[in-house]
C-alpha atoms as a PDB file:
ATOM      1  CA  MET A   1       0.004   0.065  -0.180  1.00  0.00           C
ATOM      2  CA  ALA A   2       1.461   3.149  -1.040  1.00  0.00           C
ATOM      3  CA  ARG A   3       1.187   6.572   1.000  1.00  0.00           C
ATOM      4  CA  VAL A   4      -0.378   9.541  -0.799  1.00  0.00           C
ATOM      5  CA  LEU A   5       1.140  13.180  -0.071  1.00  0.00           C
ATOM      6  CA  LEU A   6       0.581  16.052  -1.458  1.00  0.00           C
ATOM      7  CA  THR A   7       2.607  19.258  -1.948  1.00  0.00           C
ATOM      8  CA  THR A   8       1.407  22.302  -0.407  1.00  0.00           C
ATOM      9  CA  GLU A   9       0.372  23.535  -3.847  1.00  0.00           C
ATOM     10  CA  ALA A  10      -1.665  20.618  -4.212  1.00  0.00           C
ATOM     11  CA  LYS A  11      -3.404  21.022  -1.129  1.00  0.00           C
ATOM     12  CA  GLU A  12      -4.457  24.637  -1.742  1.00  0.00           C
ATOM     13  CA  ASP A  13      -5.571  23.048  -5.394  1.00  0.00           C
ATOM     14  CA  LEU A  14      -7.783  20.882  -3.429  1.00  0.00           C
ATOM     15  CA  ARG A  15      -8.931  23.560  -0.451  1.00  0.00           C
ATOM     16  CA  ASP A  16     -10.131  25.266  -3.841  1.00  0.00           C
ATOM     17  CA  LEU A  17     -12.246  22.630  -5.252  1.00  0.00           C
ATOM     18  CA  ASP A  18     -16.115  22.860  -4.407  1.00  0.00           C
ATOM     19  CA  GLY A  19     -17.241  20.583  -2.309  1.00  0.00           C
ATOM     20  CA  SER A  20     -18.466  17.768  -4.827  1.00  0.00           C
ATOM     21  CA  ALA A  21     -15.234  17.982  -7.076  1.00  0.00           C
ATOM     22  CA  ARG A  22     -13.611  18.177  -3.867  1.00  0.00           C
ATOM     23  CA  LYS A  23     -15.167  14.788  -2.939  1.00  0.00           C
ATOM     24  CA  ILE A  24     -14.108  13.126  -6.032  1.00  0.00           C
ATOM     25  CA  VAL A  25     -10.991  14.289  -6.176  1.00  0.00           C
ATOM     26  CA  LEU A  26     -10.803  12.503  -2.505  1.00  0.00           C
ATOM     27  CA  LYS A  27     -11.969   9.047  -3.657  1.00  0.00           C
ATOM     28  CA  VAL A  28      -9.628   9.247  -6.815  1.00  0.00           C
ATOM     29  CA  LEU A  29      -6.721   9.825  -4.292  1.00  0.00           C
ATOM     30  CA  LYS A  30      -7.703   7.393  -2.053  1.00  0.00           C
ATOM     31  CA  LYS A  31      -7.601   4.754  -4.615  1.00  0.00           C
ATOM     32  CA  LEU A  32      -3.901   5.887  -5.373  1.00  0.00           C
ATOM     33  CA  GLU A  33      -2.797   3.982  -2.411  1.00  0.00           C
ATOM     34  CA  THR A  34      -3.579   1.306  -4.144  1.00  0.00           C
ATOM     35  CA  ASP A  35      -1.326   0.272  -7.253  1.00  0.00           C
ATOM     36  CA  PRO A  36      -0.649   3.793  -8.683  1.00  0.00           C
ATOM     37  CA  GLU A  37       1.947   2.724 -10.896  1.00  0.00           C
ATOM     38  CA  SER A  38      -1.461   1.058 -13.169  1.00  0.00           C
ATOM     39  CA  ARG A  39      -3.392   4.152 -12.666  1.00  0.00           C
ATOM     40  CA  GLY A  40      -3.727   7.064 -14.682  1.00  0.00           C
ATOM     41  CA  ALA A  41      -1.816   7.493 -17.897  1.00  0.00           C
ATOM     42  CA  PRO A  42       1.841   8.528 -18.401  1.00  0.00           C
ATOM     43  CA  LEU A  43       2.606  11.891 -18.997  1.00  0.00           C
ATOM     44  CA  GLY A  44       5.610  12.689 -21.699  1.00  0.00           C
ATOM     45  CA  SER A  45       7.944  15.884 -23.047  1.00  0.00           C
ATOM     46  CA  ARG A  46       6.759  18.384 -25.125  1.00  0.00           C
ATOM     47  CA  PRO A  47       8.943  21.463 -26.121  1.00  0.00           C
ATOM     48  CA  GLY A  48       9.720  23.035 -23.018  1.00  0.00           C
ATOM     49  CA  SER A  49       8.335  20.701 -20.428  1.00  0.00           C
ATOM     50  CA  ASN A  50       9.220  17.523 -19.875  1.00  0.00           C
ATOM     51  CA  LEU A  51       6.328  15.082 -17.160  1.00  0.00           C
ATOM     52  CA  VAL A  52       7.929  11.379 -17.993  1.00  0.00           C
ATOM     53  CA  THR A  53       8.346  10.236 -14.788  1.00  0.00           C
ATOM     54  CA  PHE A  54       4.301  11.878 -14.618  1.00  0.00           C
ATOM     55  CA  ARG A  55       1.511  10.379 -14.827  1.00  0.00           C
ATOM     56  CA  LYS A  56      -2.250  11.927 -15.176  1.00  0.00           C
ATOM     57  CA  LEU A  57      -5.763  10.767 -13.750  1.00  0.00           C
ATOM     58  CA  VAL A  58      -8.966  11.904 -15.134  1.00  0.00           C
ATOM     59  CA  VAL A  59     -11.402  13.029 -12.328  1.00  0.00           C
ATOM     60  CA  GLY A  60     -14.824  13.072 -12.906  1.00  0.00           C
ATOM     61  CA  ASP A  61     -16.779  14.033 -16.293  1.00  0.00           C
ATOM     62  CA  ARG A  62     -13.080  14.727 -17.409  1.00  0.00           C
ATOM     63  CA  ASP A  63     -13.194  18.011 -16.018  1.00  0.00           C
ATOM     64  CA  TYR A  64     -10.498  17.481 -13.486  1.00  0.00           C
ATOM     65  CA  ARG A  65      -6.538  16.177 -13.751  1.00  0.00           C
ATOM     66  CA  VAL A  66      -4.293  14.938 -10.612  1.00  0.00           C
ATOM     67  CA  VAL A  67      -1.045  15.341 -11.773  1.00  0.00           C
ATOM     68  CA  TYR A  68       1.371  12.966  -9.741  1.00  0.00           C
ATOM     69  CA  ARG A  69       4.613  11.161  -9.528  1.00  0.00           C
ATOM     70  CA  VAL A  70       5.169   7.581  -8.139  1.00  0.00           C
ATOM     71  CA  GLU A  71       8.198   7.524  -6.322  1.00  0.00           C
ATOM     72  CA  THR A  72      11.093   4.539  -6.606  1.00  0.00           C
ATOM     73  CA  ASP A  73       9.380   1.629  -5.125  1.00  0.00           C
ATOM     74  CA  GLY A  74       5.982   2.439  -5.457  1.00  0.00           C
ATOM     75  CA  THR A  75       5.413   3.152  -1.588  1.00  0.00           C
ATOM     76  CA  VAL A  76       4.853   6.704  -1.747  1.00  0.00           C
ATOM     77  CA  VAL A  77       2.792   8.948  -4.870  1.00  0.00           C
ATOM     78  CA  VAL A  78       3.939  12.276  -4.800  1.00  0.00           C
ATOM     79  CA  VAL A  79       0.945  14.770  -5.658  1.00  0.00           C
ATOM     80  CA  TRP A  80       1.457  17.800  -7.459  1.00  0.00           C
ATOM     81  CA  VAL A  81      -1.316  19.692  -9.402  1.00  0.00           C
ATOM     82  CA  ILE A  82      -4.999  18.860  -8.656  1.00  0.00           C
ATOM     83  CA  GLY A  83      -6.813  21.462 -11.442  1.00  0.00           C
ATOM     84  CA  LYS A  84      -9.355  21.872 -13.821  1.00  0.00           C
ATOM     85  CA  ARG A  85      -8.418  20.244 -17.409  1.00  0.00           C
ATOM     86  CA  THR A  86      -8.633  23.591 -19.362  1.00  0.00           C
ATOM     87  CA  ASP A  87      -6.179  23.802 -22.454  1.00  0.00           C
ATOM     88  CA  GLY A  88      -3.418  21.939 -20.548  1.00  0.00           C
ATOM     89  CA  GLU A  89      -3.284  24.681 -17.874  1.00  0.00           C
ATOM     90  CA  CYS A  90      -3.004  21.968 -15.186  1.00  0.00           C
ATOM     91  CA  TYR A  91       0.109  20.187 -17.337  1.00  0.00           C
ATOM     92  CA  ASP A  92       1.305  23.488 -17.644  1.00  0.00           C
ATOM     93  CA  LEU A  93       1.464  24.440 -13.805  1.00  0.00           C
ATOM     94  CA  ALA A  94       2.842  21.022 -12.867  1.00  0.00           C
ATOM     95  CA  VAL A  95       6.060  21.848 -15.135  1.00  0.00           C
ATOM     96  CA  SER A  96       6.361  25.734 -13.369  1.00  0.00           C
ATOM     97  CA  ARG A  97       5.938  24.160  -9.809  1.00  0.00           C
ATOM     98  CA  ILE A  98       8.407  21.464 -10.616  1.00  0.00           C
ATOM     99  CA  ARG A  99      10.957  24.085 -12.275  1.00  0.00           C
ATOM    100  CA  LEU A 100       9.839  26.521  -8.971  1.00  0.00           C
ATOM    101  CA  HIS A 101      11.123  23.592  -6.182  1.00  0.00           C
ATOM    102  CA  SER A 102      13.563  22.089  -8.522  1.00  0.00           C
ATOM    103  CA  ASP A 103      16.456  24.442  -6.015  1.00  0.00           C
ATOM    104  CA  ASP A 104      14.266  24.281  -2.835  1.00  0.00           C
ATOM    105  CA  PRO A 105      16.697  22.683  -0.299  1.00  0.00           C
ATOM    106  CA  GLU A 106      13.736  22.633   1.929  1.00  0.00           C
ATOM    107  CA  LEU A 107      11.069  20.878  -0.256  1.00  0.00           C
ATOM    108  CA  LEU A 108      14.041  18.356  -1.191  1.00  0.00           C
ATOM    109  CA  GLY A 109      15.057  17.931   2.275  1.00  0.00           C
ATOM    110  CA  SER A 110      11.501  17.385   3.578  1.00  0.00           C
ATOM    111  CA  LEU A 111      10.314  14.659   0.457  1.00  0.00           C
ATOM    112  CA  VAL A 112      13.476  12.814   1.018  1.00  0.00           C
ATOM    113  CA  GLY A 113      13.089  12.669   4.903  1.00  0.00           C
ATOM    114  CA  LEU A 114       9.744  11.429   3.931  1.00  0.00           C
ATOM    115  CA  LEU A 115      10.863   8.872   1.630  1.00  0.00           C
ATOM    116  CA  ASP A 116      13.341   7.553   3.403  1.00  0.00           C
ATOM    117  CA  ARG A 117      10.917   6.724   6.620  1.00  0.00           C
ATOM    118  CA  ALA A 118       8.416   5.548   4.512  1.00  0.00           C
ATOM    119  CA  TRP A 119      11.246   3.341   3.074  1.00  0.00           C
ATOM    120  CA  GLY A 120      12.243   2.532   6.509  1.00  0.00           C
ATOM    121  CA  GLN A 121      15.804   3.900   5.745  1.00  0.00           C
ATOM    122  CA  ARG A 122      17.686   6.514   8.101  1.00  0.00           C
ATOM    123  CA  GLU A 123      17.016  10.023   7.179  1.00  0.00           C
ATOM    124  CA  ARG A 124      19.929  12.053   5.287  1.00  0.00           C
ATOM    125  CA  THR A 125      21.127  15.279   5.958  1.00  0.00           C
ATOM    126  CA  THR A 126      23.107  16.065   2.361  1.00  0.00           C
ATOM    127  CA  ARG A 127      21.463  16.367  -1.028  1.00  0.00           C
ATOM    128  CA  PRO A 128      20.873  13.273  -2.811  1.00  0.00           C
END
């Protein structure tokens, strides 16, 4: 069973949804705990963005998307974006969030620490 973690921005995305949409998304997030690699569809790359290691889930009546990544051994799922499907806007948002946090040592350290604890390893103190 995988742990589903949301970035701070994904938590805000979830809070911003109306009640009915939030319920539907929460049900989908719960399903990610079981076999997350087979859920959703893999994303690829296009000019200016690379989401090759990420997946997308279609939510509701194709209205919303969840962009997530299954970490190495499948025990942790990190959700990066929960958003309306509007001309690929959620994918552009995912790329911008990933770029924003790629140089954020605090977020990187937090994610590494969470992953290490989830995998039962000692917490790392240096950047991988």
